[in-house]
Amino acid sequence: MKDDTFGAVRPEHAPSDHPAIVPEKVGVLLANLGTPDGYDYWSMRRYLNEFLSDQRVIDYPKWKWQPILQTVVLGKRPFTSGAAYKTIWNEDAGESPLMTITKQQAAGITAAMKARFGDNVVVDYCMRYGNPSTESRLKALLEQGCRRILFFPLYPQYAGATTATANDQFFRALMKEKWQPASRTVPPYFDRPDYIAALAGSVERAYAALDHEPDVLVASYHGLPLRYLTEEGDPYHCQCQKTTRLLREKLGWDKDKAITTFQSRFGPEEWLQPYTVEQVARLAEAGKKRIAVIAPAFSADCIETLEEINEEIRESFEHAGGESFTYIPCLNDDAAHIEALSNIIAENLGGWVG
């Protein structure tokens, strides 16, 4: 006996009252940071409240941080962040660029998995903050018969505030399931040759389209408080530095042709340095009038790249005398990126699929 729900079938030789069972499959759940549902005040407030209440992100004691967050920060920041999102919003689709690109990545990986494994692997995506939630997409995979699930945070470099909190949310969702699937998480891939090759290819294409060669390539990574490295042992800083070095070596460049910087500082304490917004100004003042900026920590373009880099950081460079600023987009759904991500997935599915 068949059931239309995800191909559910009553097991052979089972009694007539046995419920239909969905054939077992393997699920791949891609996870990105998140996005507000809109750029209006309340959508932004809900999103920022969830994001900034995460103690992996802001680890101050709740008794100290929450009163500041709920009054000062959430009283003002939804307006400024909403205005920034409005400048990049995909109005046609009614969503942020991060959502649009993540959907495209999921579609590309779905096609790659189908080519490799047929219909045995189901690919879906979720957001750590906002929608679609990790819990909702886990449930959707389980409903489709996925008894093995590979969880893939789309962060090349590991950080407690990115990879770890995404994994936390996945594990919390698993805790609510009576019948838990077998599960794996994907490790960081900051030094994989195929990922580095995809980055290098994007740089080469961007440079080939210019009528000049930039003096410096600035690899700008999202920042973290310095104490996460010096006191708590977060490996993010070291992995960012290695990504830049490997990219530079892949391109065959001298050491001074590519540098590492950090952006998106928040709050009063010291963060990883040099700060991108300040470093690009120093480059211009030192006579480096033509630069390119790439964001290797982001798998998809988002508010930090499309607005912060391409507007705020560009403005800092030009105000200091810079003449040519080139932003190199994230890898997004580039074919080489989709191939690299698909390779990572296939390797991590070892033993689960043929």
Protein backbone atom coordinates (compact mmCIF):
# COMPACT_ATOMS: atom_id res chain seq x y z
CA MET A 1 0.00 0.00 0.00
CA LYS A 2 1.31 3.43 -1.00
CA ASP A 3 0.94 6.86 0.56
CA ASP A 4 1.45 10.09 -1.45
CA THR A 5 3.37 11.73 1.40
CA PHE A 6 7.05 11.64 0.33
CA GLY A 7 6.57 8.23 -1.28
CA ALA A 8 5.52 6.50 1.94
CA VAL A 9 4.89 2.76 1.50
CA ARG A 10 3.57 0.08 3.89
CA PRO A 11 6.33 -2.47 4.41
CA GLU A 12 5.95 -5.70 2.49
CA HIS A 13 4.30 -8.49 4.54
CA ALA A 14 3.20 -5.92 7.14
CA PRO A 15 -0.38 -6.19 8.47
CA SER A 16 -3.00 -4.10 6.71
CA ASP A 17 -3.24 -1.64 9.57
CA HIS A 18 0.52 -0.93 9.59
CA PRO A 19 1.20 2.72 8.78
CA ALA A 20 3.00 3.62 5.58
CA ILE A 21 6.69 4.43 6.05
CA VAL A 22 8.72 6.93 4.09
CA PRO A 23 11.80 5.29 2.50
CA GLU A 24 14.97 6.19 4.34
CA LYS A 25 17.11 8.96 2.88
CA VAL A 26 20.10 11.06 3.86
CA GLY A 27 19.60 14.76 4.57
CA VAL A 28 22.03 17.64 4.13
CA LEU A 29 21.13 20.80 6.02
CA LEU A 30 23.03 23.91 4.97
CA ALA A 31 23.13 26.66 7.60
CA ASN A 32 23.86 30.35 7.17
CA LEU A 33 23.86 33.23 9.64
CA GLY A 34 20.38 34.59 9.11
CA THR A 35 18.31 37.41 7.80
CA PRO A 36 15.40 39.57 8.93
CA ASP A 37 12.03 38.99 7.29
CA GLY A 38 11.95 42.65 6.25
CA TYR A 39 13.71 45.95 6.85
CA ASP A 40 10.88 47.51 8.86
CA TYR A 41 11.45 48.32 12.52
CA TRP A 42 9.72 45.30 14.07
CA SER A 43 11.23 42.76 11.66
CA MET A 44 14.66 44.20 12.35
CA ARG A 45 14.06 44.28 16.10
CA ARG A 46 13.01 40.60 16.20
CA TYR A 47 16.05 39.57 14.19
CA LEU A 48 18.55 41.70 16.12
CA ASN A 49 17.10 40.61 19.45
CA GLU A 50 17.63 36.94 18.57
CA PHE A 51 21.09 37.57 17.14
CA LEU A 52 22.42 39.85 19.88
CA SER A 53 20.92 37.73 22.67
CA ASP A 54 23.06 34.77 21.61
CA GLN A 55 25.78 34.41 24.23
CA ARG A 56 28.07 32.88 21.64
CA VAL A 57 27.94 36.30 19.94
CA ILE A 58 27.79 38.65 22.93
CA ASP A 59 29.07 36.77 25.94
CA TYR A 60 28.57 39.41 28.61
CA PRO A 61 26.48 38.27 31.63
CA LYS A 62 22.77 38.47 30.87
CA TRP A 63 22.08 40.70 33.88
CA LYS A 64 24.50 43.23 32.45
CA TRP A 65 23.84 42.96 28.72
CA GLN A 66 20.07 42.43 28.41
CA PRO A 67 19.01 45.78 29.95
CA ILE A 68 21.36 47.56 27.53
CA LEU A 69 20.20 45.48 24.59
CA GLN A 70 16.47 45.84 25.24
CA THR A 71 16.60 49.61 25.80
CA VAL A 72 19.55 51.37 24.18
CA VAL A 73 20.52 48.97 21.37
CA LEU A 74 17.09 47.77 20.23
CA GLY A 75 15.67 51.24 20.64
CA LYS A 76 17.93 52.63 17.90
CA ARG A 77 19.70 49.93 15.92
CA PRO A 78 16.61 48.52 14.11
CA PHE A 79 16.25 51.90 12.39
CA THR A 80 19.87 52.17 11.26
CA SER A 81 20.16 48.50 10.33
CA GLY A 82 16.83 48.64 8.54
CA ALA A 83 17.99 51.62 6.49
CA ALA A 84 21.14 49.70 5.54
CA TYR A 85 19.15 46.59 4.55
CA LYS A 86 16.81 48.72 2.44
CA THR A 87 19.72 49.77 0.22
CA ILE A 88 20.51 46.15 -0.70
CA TRP A 89 17.09 44.46 -0.41
CA ASN A 90 15.94 42.16 -3.21
CA GLU A 91 12.61 43.90 -3.73
CA ASP A 92 11.51 41.60 -6.55
CA ALA A 93 11.78 38.53 -4.32
CA GLY A 94 10.87 40.34 -1.09
CA GLU A 95 13.94 39.06 0.71
CA SER A 96 17.54 39.87 1.57
CA PRO A 97 20.35 38.99 -0.86
CA LEU A 98 21.64 36.42 1.64
CA MET A 99 18.34 34.55 1.39
CA THR A 100 18.32 34.72 -2.40
CA ILE A 101 21.90 33.47 -2.67
CA THR A 102 21.44 30.71 -0.09
CA LYS A 103 18.49 29.40 -2.11
CA GLN A 104 20.65 29.43 -5.24
CA GLN A 105 23.43 27.57 -3.43
CA ALA A 106 20.97 24.97 -2.16
CA ALA A 107 19.62 24.49 -5.70
CA GLY A 108 23.13 24.06 -7.11
CA ILE A 109 24.13 21.57 -4.44
CA THR A 110 20.86 19.68 -4.86
CA ALA A 111 21.65 19.22 -8.56
CA ALA A 112 25.20 18.10 -7.73
CA MET A 113 23.99 15.58 -5.13
CA LYS A 114 21.39 14.21 -7.52
CA ALA A 115 24.06 13.72 -10.17
CA ARG A 116 26.26 11.85 -7.67
CA PHE A 117 23.75 9.94 -5.56
CA GLY A 118 20.42 10.01 -7.35
CA ASP A 119 17.38 10.66 -5.16
CA ASN A 120 18.94 9.29 -1.98
CA VAL A 121 20.16 12.68 -0.68
CA VAL A 122 17.83 15.55 0.24
CA VAL A 123 19.32 19.06 0.51
CA ASP A 124 17.72 21.88 2.48
CA TYR A 125 18.85 25.13 4.12
CA CYS A 126 18.20 27.01 7.34
CA MET A 127 19.24 30.17 9.14
CA ARG A 128 20.71 30.39 12.63
CA TYR A 129 18.71 33.55 13.25
CA GLY A 130 15.38 34.33 11.62
CA ASN A 131 13.65 32.13 9.07
CA PRO A 132 13.66 29.37 7.99
CA SER A 133 14.67 28.19 11.42
CA THR A 134 16.99 25.27 12.06
CA GLU A 135 14.26 23.41 13.93
CA SER A 136 11.68 23.79 11.15
CA ARG A 137 14.02 22.51 8.44
CA LEU A 138 15.24 19.61 10.58
CA LYS A 139 11.63 18.55 11.00
CA ALA A 140 11.08 18.86 7.24
CA LEU A 141 14.00 16.53 6.55
CA LEU A 142 12.74 14.01 9.11
CA GLU A 143 9.30 14.07 7.49
CA GLN A 144 10.95 13.13 4.20
CA GLY A 145 12.50 10.05 5.77
CA CYS A 146 15.99 11.37 6.49
CA ARG A 147 17.36 9.12 9.23
CA ARG A 148 20.90 10.40 8.69
CA ILE A 149 21.55 14.15 8.56
CA LEU A 150 24.72 16.06 7.72
CA PHE A 151 24.66 19.58 9.18
CA PHE A 152 26.83 22.05 7.25
CA PRO A 153 27.45 25.56 8.68
CA LEU A 154 28.59 27.59 5.67
CA TYR A 155 31.57 29.23 7.37
CA PRO A 156 35.00 28.42 5.92
CA GLN A 157 36.80 29.46 9.13
CA TYR A 158 35.66 28.16 12.52
CA ALA A 159 34.57 30.60 15.23
CA GLY A 160 32.54 30.09 18.37
CA ALA A 161 30.27 32.93 17.27
CA THR A 162 29.50 31.34 13.90
CA THR A 163 30.12 27.60 13.47
CA ALA A 164 29.64 26.71 17.13
CA THR A 165 26.39 28.58 17.61
CA ALA A 166 24.98 27.07 14.41
CA ASN A 167 25.87 23.62 15.72
CA ASP A 168 24.38 24.51 19.11
CA GLN A 169 21.06 25.34 17.48
CA PHE A 170 21.09 22.10 15.49
CA PHE A 171 21.75 20.08 18.64
CA ARG A 172 18.98 21.95 20.50
CA ALA A 173 16.59 21.03 17.70
CA LEU A 174 17.68 17.39 17.94
CA MET A 175 16.97 17.44 21.67
CA LYS A 176 13.26 17.93 20.90
CA GLU A 177 13.03 14.83 18.74
CA LYS A 178 11.89 11.56 20.29
CA TRP A 179 13.45 9.58 17.44
CA GLN A 180 16.72 11.29 16.67
CA PRO A 181 18.49 10.73 13.36
CA ALA A 182 22.16 9.83 13.16
CA SER A 183 23.93 13.16 12.73
CA ARG A 184 27.25 14.65 11.66
CA THR A 185 28.58 18.19 11.42
CA VAL A 186 31.00 19.50 8.80
CA PRO A 187 34.36 20.86 10.01
CA PRO A 188 35.81 24.17 8.76
CA TYR A 189 37.24 24.17 5.25
CA PHE A 190 39.42 27.30 5.28
CA ASP A 191 42.49 25.57 3.82
CA ARG A 192 40.95 23.14 1.32
CA PRO A 193 42.62 23.37 -2.09
CA ASP A 194 39.31 23.49 -3.98
CA TYR A 195 38.00 26.33 -1.79
CA ILE A 196 41.27 28.26 -2.19
CA ALA A 197 41.20 27.64 -5.95
CA ALA A 198 37.65 29.00 -6.14
CA LEU A 199 38.74 32.14 -4.26
CA ALA A 200 41.76 32.57 -6.51
CA GLY A 201 39.61 32.17 -9.60
CA SER A 202 37.28 34.93 -8.43
CA VAL A 203 40.24 37.25 -7.90
CA GLU A 204 41.72 36.48 -11.30
CA ARG A 205 38.40 37.14 -13.05
CA ALA A 206 37.92 40.43 -11.18
CA TYR A 207 41.45 41.60 -11.99
CA ALA A 208 41.10 40.61 -15.66
CA ALA A 209 38.04 42.86 -15.95
CA LEU A 210 39.96 45.93 -14.73
CA ASP A 211 42.07 48.28 -16.85
CA HIS A 212 44.67 48.39 -14.07
CA GLU A 213 46.04 46.08 -11.40
CA PRO A 214 45.20 46.97 -7.79
CA ASP A 215 48.17 47.77 -5.57
CA VAL A 216 46.87 45.57 -2.75
CA LEU A 217 44.23 42.89 -2.24
CA VAL A 218 42.57 43.36 1.16
CA ALA A 219 41.12 40.13 2.53
CA SER A 220 38.53 41.45 4.99
CA TYR A 221 37.14 39.00 7.54
CA HIS A 222 34.36 39.51 10.05
CA GLY A 223 35.93 40.49 13.37
CA LEU A 224 35.78 39.06 16.87
CA PRO A 225 36.78 40.47 20.27
CA LEU A 226 40.53 40.04 20.71
CA ARG A 227 40.07 38.15 24.00
CA TYR A 228 38.32 35.33 22.13
CA LEU A 229 41.76 34.59 20.70
CA THR A 230 44.11 35.57 23.53
CA GLU A 231 42.07 34.30 26.49
CA GLU A 232 39.66 31.71 25.11
CA GLY A 233 41.60 29.98 22.34
CA ASP A 234 39.24 30.59 19.43
CA PRO A 235 41.13 29.45 16.27
CA TYR A 236 39.37 31.91 13.95
CA HIS A 237 42.20 34.47 13.70
CA CYS A 238 44.78 31.84 12.76
CA GLN A 239 42.50 30.23 10.19
CA CYS A 240 41.80 33.61 8.55
CA GLN A 241 45.52 34.32 8.31
CA LYS A 242 46.13 30.93 6.72
CA THR A 243 43.35 31.43 4.17
CA THR A 244 44.93 34.71 3.04
CA ARG A 245 48.39 33.13 2.85
CA LEU A 246 47.15 30.17 0.82
CA LEU A 247 45.21 32.47 -1.50
CA ARG A 248 48.28 34.64 -2.04
CA GLU A 249 50.44 31.58 -2.73
CA LYS A 250 47.85 30.17 -5.15
CA LEU A 251 47.95 33.46 -7.05
CA GLY A 252 51.75 33.43 -7.02
CA TRP A 253 52.01 36.84 -5.36
CA ASP A 254 54.58 38.45 -3.09
CA LYS A 255 53.66 38.84 0.57
CA ASP A 256 52.78 42.54 0.37
CA LYS A 257 50.22 42.01 -2.41
CA ALA A 258 47.54 40.59 -0.09
CA ILE A 259 46.81 41.49 3.52
CA THR A 260 44.38 40.35 6.22
CA THR A 261 42.03 42.78 8.00
CA PHE A 262 38.90 42.54 10.16
CA GLN A 263 35.59 44.38 9.94
CA SER A 264 32.23 44.78 11.71
CA ARG A 265 33.52 45.79 15.14
CA PHE A 266 30.76 46.11 17.75
CA GLY A 267 30.99 47.56 21.28
CA PRO A 268 33.81 49.28 23.17
CA GLU A 269 36.36 46.49 23.66
CA GLU A 270 39.34 45.75 21.43
CA TRP A 271 38.71 43.42 18.49
CA LEU A 272 41.00 41.59 16.09
CA GLN A 273 43.15 44.05 14.16
CA PRO A 274 43.87 45.71 11.83
CA TYR A 275 40.36 47.09 11.38
CA THR A 276 39.44 47.13 7.69
CA VAL A 277 37.81 50.55 7.76
CA GLU A 278 40.99 52.09 9.21
CA GLN A 279 43.50 50.03 7.24
CA VAL A 280 42.10 50.99 3.83
CA ALA A 281 42.46 54.66 4.79
CA ARG A 282 46.08 54.05 5.83
CA LEU A 283 46.75 52.34 2.50
CA ALA A 284 45.42 55.35 0.60
CA GLU A 285 47.48 57.75 2.71
CA ALA A 286 50.58 55.61 2.04
CA GLY A 287 50.12 55.93 -1.71
CA LYS A 288 48.23 52.68 -2.39
CA LYS A 289 45.55 54.40 -4.45
CA ARG A 290 44.10 51.30 -6.08
CA ILE A 291 42.87 48.39 -3.97
CA ALA A 292 40.56 45.42 -4.23
CA VAL A 293 38.66 43.93 -1.30
CA ILE A 294 37.49 40.32 -0.93
CA ALA A 295 35.58 38.74 1.98
CA PRO A 296 36.74 35.10 2.31
CA ALA A 297 34.85 34.47 5.58
CA PHE A 298 31.47 34.90 3.91
CA SER A 299 30.06 32.15 1.71
CA ALA A 300 27.40 34.51 0.40
CA ASP A 301 27.09 38.24 -0.05
CA CYS A 302 25.16 39.90 2.76
CA ILE A 303 24.78 43.17 4.66
CA GLU A 304 28.43 43.05 5.81
CA THR A 305 29.71 42.84 2.25
CA LEU A 306 27.17 44.65 0.09
CA GLU A 307 26.62 47.55 2.48
CA GLU A 308 29.55 47.67 4.92
CA ILE A 309 32.38 46.89 2.50
CA ASN A 310 30.95 48.34 -0.67
CA GLU A 311 29.72 51.53 1.00
CA GLU A 312 31.24 52.32 4.42
CA ILE A 313 34.71 50.86 3.83
CA ARG A 314 34.83 52.18 0.26
CA GLU A 315 33.97 55.64 1.57
CA SER A 316 36.78 55.47 4.13
CA PHE A 317 39.30 54.61 1.39
CA GLU A 318 38.12 57.31 -1.01
CA HIS A 319 37.93 59.97 1.71
CA ALA A 320 41.62 59.28 2.49
CA GLY A 321 42.59 59.84 -1.13
CA GLY A 322 42.01 56.41 -2.66
CA GLU A 323 41.19 56.46 -6.35
CA SER A 324 40.05 52.97 -7.34
CA PHE A 325 38.15 50.59 -5.05
CA THR A 326 37.09 47.18 -6.36
CA TYR A 327 34.88 44.88 -4.34
CA ILE A 328 35.20 41.23 -5.38
CA PRO A 329 31.89 39.46 -4.64
CA CYS A 330 31.66 36.40 -2.42
CA LEU A 331 31.75 33.03 -4.11
CA ASN A 332 27.96 32.78 -3.83
CA ASP A 333 26.66 30.20 -6.35
CA ASP A 334 29.75 30.30 -8.57
CA ALA A 335 30.26 26.91 -10.20
CA ALA A 336 33.67 26.36 -8.58
CA HIS A 337 32.18 27.18 -5.17
CA ILE A 338 29.27 24.79 -5.62
CA GLU A 339 31.72 22.08 -6.71
CA ALA A 340 33.91 22.67 -3.64
CA LEU A 341 30.94 22.59 -1.27
CA SER A 342 29.60 19.48 -2.98
CA ASN A 343 33.00 17.79 -2.62
CA ILE A 344 32.99 18.59 1.10
CA ILE A 345 29.52 17.16 1.47
CA ALA A 346 30.34 14.00 -0.47
CA GLU A 347 33.41 13.38 1.69
CA ASN A 348 31.44 13.88 4.88
CA LEU A 349 28.72 11.50 3.69
CA GLY A 350 31.26 8.68 3.56
CA GLY A 351 29.70 5.41 4.65
CA TRP A 352 26.19 6.81 4.40
CA VAL A 353 25.78 6.81 0.63
CA GLY A 354 27.31 4.76 -2.14
